[in-house]
Amino acid sequence: ILNRLGLADGVTGPASFAAVRLVAGAITLGALVVMRRAAWPAITRGNIHSAATLLIYAIGFSYAYLTLDAGVGALILFGGVQITMFSVARLRAEPIAQLSWLGATLAFGGLAYLLWPGAAGAPEALGALLMLIAAVAWGLYTIVGRGAVDPLASTAWAFVLAAPVMTLVWLAVPDGISLQGTICAILSGAVTSGLGYAMWYRVLPQLSSATAAVAQLTVPVIAAFGGALLLAEPLTPRFALATLLVLGGVALTVLAQNRLTR
């Protein structure tokens, strides 16, 4: 919602928004690490992987929202995340309940229905593709985070390493930024991204890959209603049906995974 709101004035561009967002997150998280009065942790290979996937996610996410509504973009994003994480879990031979596969199929069906090429109300193709790229990157970022020993420091390193690269991208492909865009980008980077991602890394080790994947699919509903309230974006019947399918898959997968781990 903050990304769409930041770009809504037509002045703020996706590169500037992503750069300010990552810089704000890096400053906030870096300050929190320093305030712990502990030594700044050494960089690890996992930190580099997190930074790379965070950067790809931020770029794809920001550019996709030039053409996508908040709810549609979120549904594409987290539907793609689920598919990515289920695929990796399968490759790693992690336990996945049989009903979880049915839940994943329902969720994928909802996503496919929303994105079906040429269908009335289908989102713009390039925006959908960029969001799917962002989804794969976020799925991999989440998978890396499950192994984080120090969630706050790991998230801080990801932002600190990604922010300078995103700033160079902004300088190479310059676009404008307004006061509204700056405020939204700072809030997104410092609060909803920086602190939110650190909290996400904190709880990830306690979740299975399947549960972590589908739990995020509740976001599109929140984003859609937020977009309708704050940005006057339409809630179409197509989106409503796709959302029901996706959330049905979420509920089924969470219940099945909880039963499997008892």
Protein backbone atom coordinates (compact mmCIF):
# COMPACT_ATOMS: atom_id res chain seq x y z
CA ILE A 1 0.00 0.00 0.00
CA LEU A 2 2.82 2.41 0.86
CA ASN A 3 4.55 1.60 -2.44
CA ARG A 4 1.39 2.26 -4.46
CA LEU A 5 0.65 5.40 -2.44
CA GLY A 6 4.20 6.65 -2.98
CA LEU A 7 3.98 6.20 -6.76
CA ALA A 8 0.41 7.47 -7.05
CA ASP A 9 1.31 11.14 -7.52
CA GLY A 10 3.07 10.44 -10.81
CA VAL A 11 6.24 12.23 -9.66
CA THR A 12 7.95 9.52 -7.61
CA GLY A 13 9.60 6.80 -9.68
CA PRO A 14 10.19 3.15 -8.75
CA ALA A 15 14.00 3.42 -8.62
CA SER A 16 13.95 6.39 -6.25
CA PHE A 17 11.31 4.78 -4.06
CA ALA A 18 13.26 1.51 -3.77
CA ALA A 19 16.53 3.33 -3.06
CA VAL A 20 15.07 5.51 -0.28
CA ARG A 21 13.25 2.48 1.11
CA LEU A 22 16.41 0.38 1.39
CA VAL A 23 18.52 3.26 2.74
CA ALA A 24 15.90 4.01 5.42
CA GLY A 25 15.80 0.35 6.38
CA ALA A 26 19.60 0.13 6.52
CA ILE A 27 19.87 3.20 8.79
CA THR A 28 17.10 2.02 11.13
CA LEU A 29 18.35 -1.54 11.45
CA GLY A 30 21.98 -0.49 11.70
CA ALA A 31 21.10 1.85 14.56
CA LEU A 32 19.25 -0.94 16.37
CA VAL A 33 22.24 -3.27 16.04
CA VAL A 34 24.55 -0.56 17.45
CA MET A 35 22.12 0.19 20.30
CA ARG A 36 22.37 -3.42 21.47
CA ARG A 37 25.90 -2.52 22.60
CA ALA A 38 27.20 -5.69 21.03
CA ALA A 39 29.95 -5.98 18.46
CA TRP A 40 28.77 -5.54 14.88
CA PRO A 41 28.54 -9.11 13.53
CA ALA A 42 30.87 -10.28 10.79
CA ILE A 43 29.43 -10.60 7.32
CA THR A 44 28.54 -14.13 6.20
CA ARG A 45 27.70 -15.80 2.90
CA GLY A 46 24.08 -15.93 4.06
CA ASN A 47 24.08 -12.13 4.49
CA ILE A 48 25.25 -11.72 0.89
CA HIS A 49 22.55 -14.09 -0.37
CA SER A 50 19.91 -12.23 1.64
CA ALA A 51 21.08 -8.89 0.27
CA ALA A 52 21.03 -10.14 -3.34
CA THR A 53 17.52 -11.55 -3.08
CA LEU A 54 16.29 -8.46 -1.19
CA LEU A 55 17.66 -6.22 -3.95
CA ILE A 56 15.98 -8.21 -6.74
CA TYR A 57 12.75 -8.25 -4.78
CA ALA A 58 12.80 -4.48 -4.14
CA ILE A 59 13.44 -3.65 -7.81
CA GLY A 60 10.80 -6.00 -9.19
CA PHE A 61 8.30 -4.97 -6.53
CA SER A 62 8.65 -1.24 -7.11
CA TYR A 63 8.53 -1.37 -10.91
CA ALA A 64 5.60 -3.82 -10.91
CA TYR A 65 3.48 -1.37 -8.92
CA LEU A 66 3.64 1.13 -11.75
CA THR A 67 0.80 -0.86 -13.36
CA LEU A 68 -0.62 -3.18 -10.68
CA ASP A 69 -3.18 -2.42 -7.98
CA ALA A 70 -2.09 -3.06 -4.39
CA GLY A 71 -4.25 -6.17 -3.86
CA VAL A 72 -3.52 -7.77 -7.25
CA GLY A 73 0.22 -7.18 -6.83
CA ALA A 74 0.18 -8.73 -3.35
CA LEU A 75 -1.75 -11.76 -4.58
CA ILE A 76 0.75 -12.36 -7.40
CA LEU A 77 3.66 -11.82 -5.03
CA PHE A 78 2.64 -14.21 -2.30
CA GLY A 79 1.15 -16.77 -4.65
CA GLY A 80 4.56 -16.88 -6.34
CA VAL A 81 6.28 -17.05 -2.95
CA GLN A 82 4.25 -20.11 -2.01
CA ILE A 83 5.15 -21.91 -5.23
CA THR A 84 8.84 -21.05 -4.78
CA MET A 85 9.00 -22.23 -1.18
CA PHE A 86 7.06 -25.42 -1.83
CA SER A 87 9.42 -26.23 -4.69
CA VAL A 88 12.51 -25.71 -2.53
CA ALA A 89 10.98 -27.70 0.35
CA ARG A 90 10.32 -30.55 -2.09
CA LEU A 91 13.91 -30.47 -3.33
CA ARG A 92 15.13 -30.60 0.28
CA ALA A 93 12.79 -33.49 1.09
CA GLU A 94 11.13 -31.54 3.93
CA PRO A 95 7.91 -33.11 5.29
CA ILE A 96 4.82 -31.76 3.55
CA ALA A 97 1.37 -33.13 4.41
CA GLN A 98 -0.71 -34.52 1.55
CA LEU A 99 -3.50 -32.02 2.17
CA SER A 100 -0.91 -29.25 1.99
CA TRP A 101 -0.42 -30.10 -1.67
CA LEU A 102 -4.15 -29.71 -2.19
CA GLY A 103 -3.98 -26.36 -0.42
CA ALA A 104 -1.07 -25.29 -2.61
CA THR A 105 -3.01 -26.37 -5.69
CA LEU A 106 -6.03 -24.31 -4.65
CA ALA A 107 -3.85 -21.28 -4.05
CA PHE A 108 -2.05 -21.75 -7.35
CA GLY A 109 -5.40 -22.13 -9.09
CA GLY A 110 -6.54 -18.81 -7.67
CA LEU A 111 -3.35 -17.16 -8.85
CA ALA A 112 -3.65 -18.72 -12.32
CA TYR A 113 -7.26 -17.57 -12.58
CA LEU A 114 -6.23 -14.02 -11.75
CA LEU A 115 -3.35 -14.00 -14.23
CA TRP A 116 -4.92 -15.95 -17.12
CA PRO A 117 -3.67 -14.22 -20.32
CA GLY A 118 -6.29 -12.32 -22.27
CA ALA A 119 -9.03 -12.76 -19.70
CA ALA A 120 -11.16 -9.74 -18.85
CA GLY A 121 -9.73 -8.01 -15.81
CA ALA A 122 -6.36 -9.79 -16.00
CA PRO A 123 -3.46 -7.60 -14.81
CA GLU A 124 -0.94 -6.01 -17.17
CA ALA A 125 1.56 -8.63 -18.36
CA LEU A 126 4.87 -6.85 -17.70
CA GLY A 127 3.81 -5.76 -14.23
CA ALA A 128 2.71 -9.32 -13.42
CA LEU A 129 6.04 -10.71 -14.69
CA LEU A 130 8.06 -8.26 -12.60
CA MET A 131 6.02 -9.16 -9.53
CA LEU A 132 6.58 -12.87 -10.17
CA ILE A 133 10.33 -12.22 -10.31
CA ALA A 134 10.01 -10.36 -7.02
CA ALA A 135 8.07 -13.33 -5.64
CA VAL A 136 10.85 -15.81 -6.42
CA ALA A 137 13.39 -13.45 -4.85
CA TRP A 138 11.28 -13.00 -1.69
CA GLY A 139 10.75 -16.75 -1.42
CA LEU A 140 14.51 -17.30 -1.54
CA TYR A 141 15.05 -14.44 0.92
CA THR A 142 12.64 -16.16 3.31
CA ILE A 143 14.37 -19.53 2.90
CA VAL A 144 17.77 -17.99 3.68
CA GLY A 145 16.26 -16.31 6.73
CA ARG A 146 15.23 -19.63 8.27
CA GLY A 147 18.90 -20.26 9.01
CA ALA A 148 19.60 -16.85 10.57
CA VAL A 149 21.27 -17.13 13.99
CA ASP A 150 20.90 -13.41 14.72
CA PRO A 151 17.71 -12.24 12.91
CA LEU A 152 18.21 -8.52 13.56
CA ALA A 153 21.82 -8.49 12.43
CA SER A 154 21.06 -10.66 9.39
CA THR A 155 18.28 -8.31 8.29
CA ALA A 156 20.49 -5.28 8.93
CA TRP A 157 23.28 -6.70 6.79
CA ALA A 158 20.84 -7.44 3.97
CA PHE A 159 19.68 -3.82 3.90
CA VAL A 160 23.17 -2.35 4.42
CA LEU A 161 24.56 -4.34 1.48
CA ALA A 162 21.57 -3.86 -0.81
CA ALA A 163 21.06 -0.11 -0.23
CA PRO A 164 24.26 1.14 -1.98
CA VAL A 165 23.61 -1.07 -5.01
CA MET A 166 20.03 0.20 -5.28
CA THR A 167 21.32 3.77 -4.98
CA LEU A 168 23.65 3.13 -7.94
CA VAL A 169 20.69 1.77 -9.90
CA TRP A 170 18.80 4.97 -9.11
CA LEU A 171 21.75 7.07 -10.32
CA ALA A 172 21.99 4.99 -13.50
CA VAL A 173 18.25 5.15 -14.18
CA PRO A 174 17.27 8.41 -12.45
CA ASP A 175 13.66 9.25 -11.76
CA GLY A 176 11.91 11.82 -9.59
CA ILE A 177 10.67 11.72 -6.05
CA SER A 178 8.13 13.89 -4.23
CA LEU A 179 7.64 14.66 -0.55
CA GLN A 180 4.78 12.15 -0.44
CA GLY A 181 6.92 9.52 -2.12
CA THR A 182 9.81 10.19 0.26
CA ILE A 183 7.62 9.85 3.35
CA CYS A 184 6.06 6.62 2.08
CA ALA A 185 9.46 5.19 1.16
CA ILE A 186 10.94 6.02 4.58
CA LEU A 187 7.97 4.49 6.39
CA SER A 188 8.16 1.43 4.18
CA GLY A 189 11.91 1.01 4.69
CA ALA A 190 12.25 1.87 8.36
CA VAL A 191 9.05 0.36 9.75
CA THR A 192 7.09 -2.06 7.58
CA SER A 193 10.17 -3.46 5.80
CA GLY A 194 13.11 -3.07 8.17
CA LEU A 195 11.45 -3.89 11.49
CA GLY A 196 8.90 -6.18 9.86
CA TYR A 197 11.55 -8.26 8.08
CA ALA A 198 13.63 -8.54 11.27
CA MET A 199 10.56 -9.88 13.09
CA TRP A 200 9.87 -12.25 10.17
CA TYR A 201 13.42 -13.63 10.37
CA ARG A 202 12.87 -14.08 14.13
CA VAL A 203 9.80 -16.32 13.77
CA LEU A 204 10.84 -18.21 10.61
CA PRO A 205 12.88 -20.94 12.36
CA GLN A 206 9.72 -21.95 14.25
CA LEU A 207 7.71 -22.52 11.04
CA SER A 208 7.83 -25.20 8.40
CA SER A 209 8.51 -24.05 4.85
CA ALA A 210 4.94 -24.90 3.87
CA THR A 211 3.39 -22.95 6.75
CA ALA A 212 5.72 -19.98 6.23
CA ALA A 213 4.80 -19.94 2.55
CA VAL A 214 1.04 -19.99 2.91
CA ALA A 215 0.86 -17.75 6.00
CA GLN A 216 1.97 -14.85 3.81
CA LEU A 217 -0.97 -15.33 1.47
CA THR A 218 -3.24 -13.47 3.86
CA VAL A 219 -1.46 -10.26 2.85
CA PRO A 220 -3.32 -9.77 -0.47
CA VAL A 221 -6.66 -9.44 1.30
CA ILE A 222 -5.25 -6.77 3.63
CA ALA A 223 -3.60 -5.01 0.70
CA ALA A 224 -6.76 -5.11 -1.42
CA PHE A 225 -8.93 -3.56 1.27
CA GLY A 226 -6.24 -1.03 2.08
CA GLY A 227 -5.97 -0.13 -1.60
CA ALA A 228 -9.74 0.26 -1.82
CA LEU A 229 -9.90 2.48 1.26
CA LEU A 230 -6.81 4.61 0.69
CA LEU A 231 -6.33 4.58 -3.09
CA ALA A 232 -9.87 4.04 -4.40
CA GLU A 233 -8.76 0.86 -6.18
CA PRO A 234 -11.62 -1.42 -7.32
CA LEU A 235 -12.42 -4.76 -5.69
CA THR A 236 -13.43 -6.80 -8.75
CA PRO A 237 -15.36 -10.10 -8.74
CA ARG A 238 -12.34 -11.70 -10.42
CA PHE A 239 -10.06 -10.65 -7.57
CA ALA A 240 -12.63 -11.74 -4.96
CA LEU A 241 -12.88 -15.28 -6.39
CA ALA A 242 -9.11 -15.56 -6.75
CA THR A 243 -8.71 -14.43 -3.14
CA LEU A 244 -11.19 -17.04 -1.88
CA LEU A 245 -9.27 -19.79 -3.67
CA VAL A 246 -5.93 -18.57 -2.33
CA LEU A 247 -7.15 -18.18 1.26
CA GLY A 248 -8.85 -21.57 1.11
CA GLY A 249 -5.50 -23.04 0.16
CA VAL A 250 -3.85 -21.18 3.03
CA ALA A 251 -6.28 -22.53 5.62
CA LEU A 252 -6.01 -26.09 4.34
CA THR A 253 -2.21 -26.04 4.30
CA VAL A 254 -1.84 -24.54 7.78
CA LEU A 255 -4.23 -27.09 9.29
CA ALA A 256 -2.53 -29.98 7.49
CA GLN A 257 0.98 -28.89 8.52
CA ASN A 258 -0.07 -28.38 12.14
CA ARG A 259 -1.55 -31.87 12.22
CA LEU A 260 1.65 -33.28 10.68
CA THR A 261 3.89 -31.75 13.37
CA ARG A 262 1.81 -32.80 16.37
